[in-house]
Amino acid sequence: MTSSELWTRATADRHDAEEAEMSSAVVLGPTLAFLAELAGDGRALEFVVGTGRVGVPLRERGVPVVGIELSEHMAAVLRRKIDEDSLPVVIGDMATTVVGGEFTLVHLVYNTISNLLTQDEQVECFRNAARHLGPGGRFVIELNVPPLRLLPPGQFAVPFDVSERHLGFDTFDMVEQILVSHHLTRDGDDGRYRRGNRRVADWEGAPFTPDSTKHISVWRKPA
């Protein structure tokens, strides 16, 4: 077991509604085009397939997809959208779980590698990706770049969303090199708090610069 936190049934059931913007055609279109081109005529393996935000539409584009997911509750939500034969899912963690067959693409999107809180676990994740890739296959990671330049001296938190229904801010532990995203969502008179760890992407291929807020990184297994 890795240090990844398990998603509860309640969190999984409301996940798609809370992430509706990330499932829009504007966001997903470039992502799916990028991944489908790399997959080519081969199969894709999605680490942390979640509720199928990327995996399901990628499969609908004709790319055979297999998923690895730590949370059975997230996988259950995905299963409401597509059957097991069309998109198989193996319950397990991305750093050690092995599925059968060879893939031309392994992808890990939306900051999910930061669910692994130690460098050793992240290295094992890369090794696991390589284990599944055929010669010339690609491993793709999408990851935010921490906005450290926004931090004045002595400050360790930066807000990224302040709205009527949601307050989001990141806190930084410079010594441990860990970023934690905090979310406080207002639902009627009740409030819900959740947090997710992430560390340091443009699917349309824009150059990465010192001002970029995320990166898409592609590693190719030698042929």
Protein backbone atom coordinates (compact mmCIF):
# COMPACT_ATOMS: atom_id res chain seq x y z
CA MET A 1 0.00 0.00 0.00
CA THR A 2 1.26 3.47 -0.84
CA SER A 3 0.61 6.72 0.99
CA SER A 4 -2.31 7.61 -1.31
CA GLU A 5 -5.52 8.49 0.50
CA LEU A 6 -8.62 6.41 -0.25
CA TRP A 7 -11.70 8.22 -1.58
CA THR A 8 -14.86 7.55 0.39
CA ARG A 9 -18.23 6.62 -1.15
CA ALA A 10 -19.67 10.07 -0.42
CA THR A 11 -16.68 11.82 -2.04
CA ALA A 12 -16.82 9.53 -5.06
CA ASP A 13 -20.58 10.05 -5.54
CA ARG A 14 -20.23 13.86 -5.72
CA HIS A 15 -16.87 13.90 -7.53
CA ASP A 16 -18.23 14.31 -11.08
CA ALA A 17 -20.53 17.18 -10.10
CA GLU A 18 -17.71 19.01 -8.35
CA GLU A 19 -15.35 18.49 -11.30
CA ALA A 20 -17.90 19.25 -14.06
CA GLU A 21 -15.73 22.02 -15.56
CA MET A 22 -12.82 19.61 -15.98
CA SER A 23 -15.12 17.28 -17.95
CA SER A 24 -16.15 19.95 -20.44
CA ALA A 25 -15.32 19.63 -24.15
CA VAL A 26 -13.06 22.68 -23.90
CA VAL A 27 -10.87 20.99 -21.30
CA LEU A 28 -11.11 17.38 -22.46
CA GLY A 29 -10.84 17.94 -26.24
CA PRO A 30 -7.09 18.75 -26.35
CA THR A 31 -6.36 16.15 -23.67
CA LEU A 32 -8.04 13.33 -25.58
CA ALA A 33 -6.47 14.35 -28.91
CA PHE A 34 -2.99 14.38 -27.31
CA LEU A 35 -3.41 10.98 -25.66
CA ALA A 36 -5.10 9.31 -28.64
CA GLU A 37 -2.25 10.36 -30.94
CA LEU A 38 0.34 8.85 -28.59
CA ALA A 39 -1.68 5.65 -28.11
CA GLY A 40 -1.93 5.15 -31.87
CA ASP A 41 -3.19 1.67 -32.67
CA GLY A 42 -2.16 0.31 -29.26
CA ARG A 43 -3.68 0.14 -25.80
CA ALA A 44 -3.65 2.76 -23.05
CA LEU A 45 -3.29 2.18 -19.33
CA GLU A 46 -4.58 4.92 -17.05
CA PHE A 47 -3.09 5.11 -13.58
CA VAL A 48 -5.79 6.44 -11.20
CA VAL A 49 -8.63 6.10 -13.69
CA GLY A 50 -11.06 7.49 -11.09
CA THR A 51 -14.63 7.87 -12.32
CA GLY A 52 -13.51 7.71 -15.95
CA ARG A 53 -13.35 11.44 -16.79
CA VAL A 54 -10.56 10.74 -19.32
CA GLY A 55 -10.69 6.95 -19.70
CA VAL A 56 -14.32 6.69 -20.84
CA PRO A 57 -14.20 9.30 -23.65
CA LEU A 58 -10.77 8.03 -24.72
CA ARG A 59 -12.29 4.56 -25.07
CA GLU A 60 -15.17 6.09 -27.06
CA ARG A 61 -12.55 7.45 -29.45
CA GLY A 62 -11.53 3.89 -30.20
CA VAL A 63 -8.51 3.56 -27.89
CA PRO A 64 -8.63 0.37 -25.79
CA VAL A 65 -8.22 1.52 -22.18
CA VAL A 66 -7.46 -0.35 -18.96
CA GLY A 67 -7.53 1.42 -15.61
CA ILE A 68 -5.86 1.06 -12.23
CA GLU A 69 -7.76 2.67 -9.34
CA LEU A 70 -7.10 2.55 -5.61
CA SER A 71 -10.64 3.48 -4.52
CA GLU A 72 -13.35 0.90 -5.06
CA HIS A 73 -15.93 3.67 -4.65
CA MET A 74 -14.46 5.72 -7.51
CA ALA A 75 -14.37 2.59 -9.68
CA ALA A 76 -18.02 1.92 -8.83
CA VAL A 77 -18.99 5.35 -10.19
CA LEU A 78 -17.05 4.62 -13.38
CA ARG A 79 -18.83 1.30 -13.70
CA ARG A 80 -22.19 3.14 -13.94
CA LYS A 81 -20.92 4.65 -17.22
CA ILE A 82 -19.24 1.74 -18.96
CA ASP A 83 -19.06 -2.04 -18.54
CA GLU A 84 -16.06 -4.09 -17.46
CA ASP A 85 -15.48 -5.62 -20.90
CA SER A 86 -15.27 -2.18 -22.51
CA LEU A 87 -12.99 -0.64 -19.86
CA PRO A 88 -11.48 -3.11 -17.38
CA VAL A 89 -10.40 -1.70 -14.01
CA VAL A 90 -7.99 -3.31 -11.56
CA ILE A 91 -8.25 -2.20 -7.92
CA GLY A 92 -4.81 -1.32 -6.61
CA ASP A 93 -2.22 1.41 -6.32
CA MET A 94 -0.37 2.93 -9.27
CA ALA A 95 3.11 2.25 -7.92
CA THR A 96 2.92 -1.53 -7.56
CA THR A 97 -0.20 -2.96 -9.26
CA VAL A 98 0.50 -4.93 -12.44
CA VAL A 99 -2.06 -5.73 -15.14
CA GLY A 100 -1.69 -8.12 -18.03
CA GLY A 101 -0.58 -7.23 -21.53
CA GLU A 102 1.54 -4.53 -23.15
CA PHE A 103 0.63 -0.89 -23.72
CA THR A 104 1.76 1.90 -26.05
CA LEU A 105 0.65 4.56 -23.55
CA VAL A 106 0.50 4.89 -19.78
CA HIS A 107 -1.01 8.17 -18.61
CA LEU A 108 -1.41 9.86 -15.24
CA VAL A 109 -3.33 13.14 -15.46
CA TYR A 110 -4.69 15.98 -13.32
CA ASN A 111 -1.92 16.05 -10.69
CA THR A 112 -2.60 12.51 -9.52
CA ILE A 113 1.06 11.52 -9.21
CA SER A 114 1.09 13.87 -6.22
CA ASN A 115 -1.15 11.37 -4.43
CA LEU A 116 2.14 9.56 -3.82
CA LEU A 117 3.69 11.51 -0.97
CA THR A 118 7.22 10.15 -1.02
CA GLN A 119 9.95 10.25 -3.65
CA ASP A 120 10.47 6.49 -3.35
CA GLU A 121 6.81 5.85 -4.21
CA GLN A 122 6.96 8.21 -7.18
CA VAL A 123 10.07 6.45 -8.48
CA GLU A 124 8.23 3.13 -8.16
CA CYS A 125 5.36 4.64 -10.16
CA PHE A 126 7.77 5.40 -13.02
CA ARG A 127 9.14 1.87 -12.80
CA ASN A 128 5.62 0.47 -12.91
CA ALA A 129 4.83 2.53 -16.00
CA ALA A 130 7.97 1.23 -17.72
CA ARG A 131 7.00 -2.31 -16.71
CA HIS A 132 3.76 -2.01 -18.69
CA LEU A 133 5.08 -0.21 -21.77
CA GLY A 134 6.21 -1.89 -24.94
CA PRO A 135 9.32 -0.66 -26.77
CA GLY A 136 8.81 2.95 -27.87
CA GLY A 137 5.79 3.37 -25.59
CA ARG A 138 5.13 6.63 -23.75
CA PHE A 139 4.45 7.61 -20.17
CA VAL A 140 2.54 10.92 -19.84
CA ILE A 141 2.14 12.97 -16.67
CA GLU A 142 0.10 16.16 -16.16
CA LEU A 143 1.16 18.18 -13.15
CA ASN A 144 0.74 21.68 -11.80
CA VAL A 145 3.73 23.91 -11.07
CA PRO A 146 3.52 25.36 -7.54
CA PRO A 147 3.09 29.18 -7.64
CA LEU A 148 5.99 29.78 -5.26
CA ARG A 149 6.69 33.25 -6.66
CA LEU A 150 3.32 34.37 -5.29
CA LEU A 151 4.51 33.74 -1.75
CA PRO A 152 5.72 36.83 0.15
CA PRO A 153 8.40 36.22 2.78
CA GLY A 154 6.95 34.39 5.75
CA GLN A 155 3.72 33.32 3.96
CA PHE A 156 2.96 29.66 3.32
CA ALA A 157 -0.57 29.75 1.78
CA VAL A 158 -1.95 31.01 -1.59
CA PRO A 159 -5.68 31.09 -2.53
CA PHE A 160 -6.61 29.73 -5.97
CA ASP A 161 -10.42 30.07 -5.77
CA VAL A 162 -12.55 32.36 -3.62
CA SER A 163 -16.22 32.16 -4.54
CA GLU A 164 -19.61 31.94 -2.84
CA ARG A 165 -19.68 28.14 -2.80
CA HIS A 166 -16.00 27.27 -2.71
CA LEU A 167 -12.81 28.39 -1.00
CA GLY A 168 -9.59 26.81 -2.23
CA PHE A 169 -6.05 27.48 -1.13
CA ASP A 170 -2.67 25.78 -1.32
CA THR A 171 -0.22 25.50 1.56
CA PHE A 172 3.48 24.84 1.07
CA ASP A 173 5.91 22.94 3.24
CA MET A 174 9.27 24.12 1.91
CA VAL A 175 11.30 21.72 4.04
CA GLU A 176 9.39 18.58 3.04
CA GLN A 177 8.68 19.97 -0.50
CA ILE A 178 4.99 19.15 -0.21
CA LEU A 179 2.04 21.18 -1.48
CA VAL A 180 -1.41 20.55 0.02
CA SER A 181 -4.59 21.80 -1.68
CA HIS A 182 -7.44 22.65 0.71
CA HIS A 183 -11.08 22.84 -0.43
CA LEU A 184 -13.97 24.20 1.61
CA THR A 185 -17.27 23.73 -0.24
CA ARG A 186 -20.50 25.33 0.98
CA ASP A 187 -23.59 23.17 0.47
CA GLY A 188 -26.63 24.98 1.82
CA ASP A 189 -25.96 25.70 5.47
CA ASP A 190 -23.34 22.95 5.67
CA GLY A 191 -19.68 23.12 4.78
CA ARG A 192 -17.43 20.35 3.54
CA TYR A 193 -13.66 20.38 3.81
CA ARG A 194 -11.26 18.19 1.88
CA ARG A 195 -7.57 18.32 1.09
CA GLY A 196 -5.37 16.77 -1.56
CA ASN A 197 -1.63 16.68 -1.84
CA ARG A 198 0.12 17.66 -5.04
CA ARG A 199 3.57 18.74 -6.16
CA VAL A 200 4.80 20.39 -9.10
CA ALA A 201 0.75 21.09 -18.22
CA ASP A 202 -0.78 22.39 -21.81
CA TRP A 203 -2.36 19.71 -23.92
CA GLU A 204 -2.23 21.92 -27.01
CA GLY A 205 1.56 21.91 -27.04
CA ALA A 206 2.36 25.46 -25.94
CA PRO A 207 6.03 25.94 -24.95
CA PHE A 208 6.87 25.47 -21.27
CA THR A 209 8.24 28.71 -19.81
CA PRO A 210 9.14 30.02 -16.34
CA ASP A 211 5.60 31.45 -16.17
CA SER A 212 3.79 28.20 -17.00
CA THR A 213 1.34 27.05 -14.34
CA LYS A 214 1.48 23.35 -15.24
CA HIS A 215 3.33 20.93 -17.47
CA ILE A 216 2.67 17.87 -19.59
CA SER A 217 5.72 15.60 -19.52
CA VAL A 218 6.23 12.66 -21.87
CA TRP A 219 8.80 9.92 -21.36
CA ARG A 220 9.50 7.37 -24.12
CA LYS A 221 10.65 3.84 -23.42
CA PRO A 222 13.66 3.02 -25.62
CA ALA A 223 12.84 0.93 -28.69
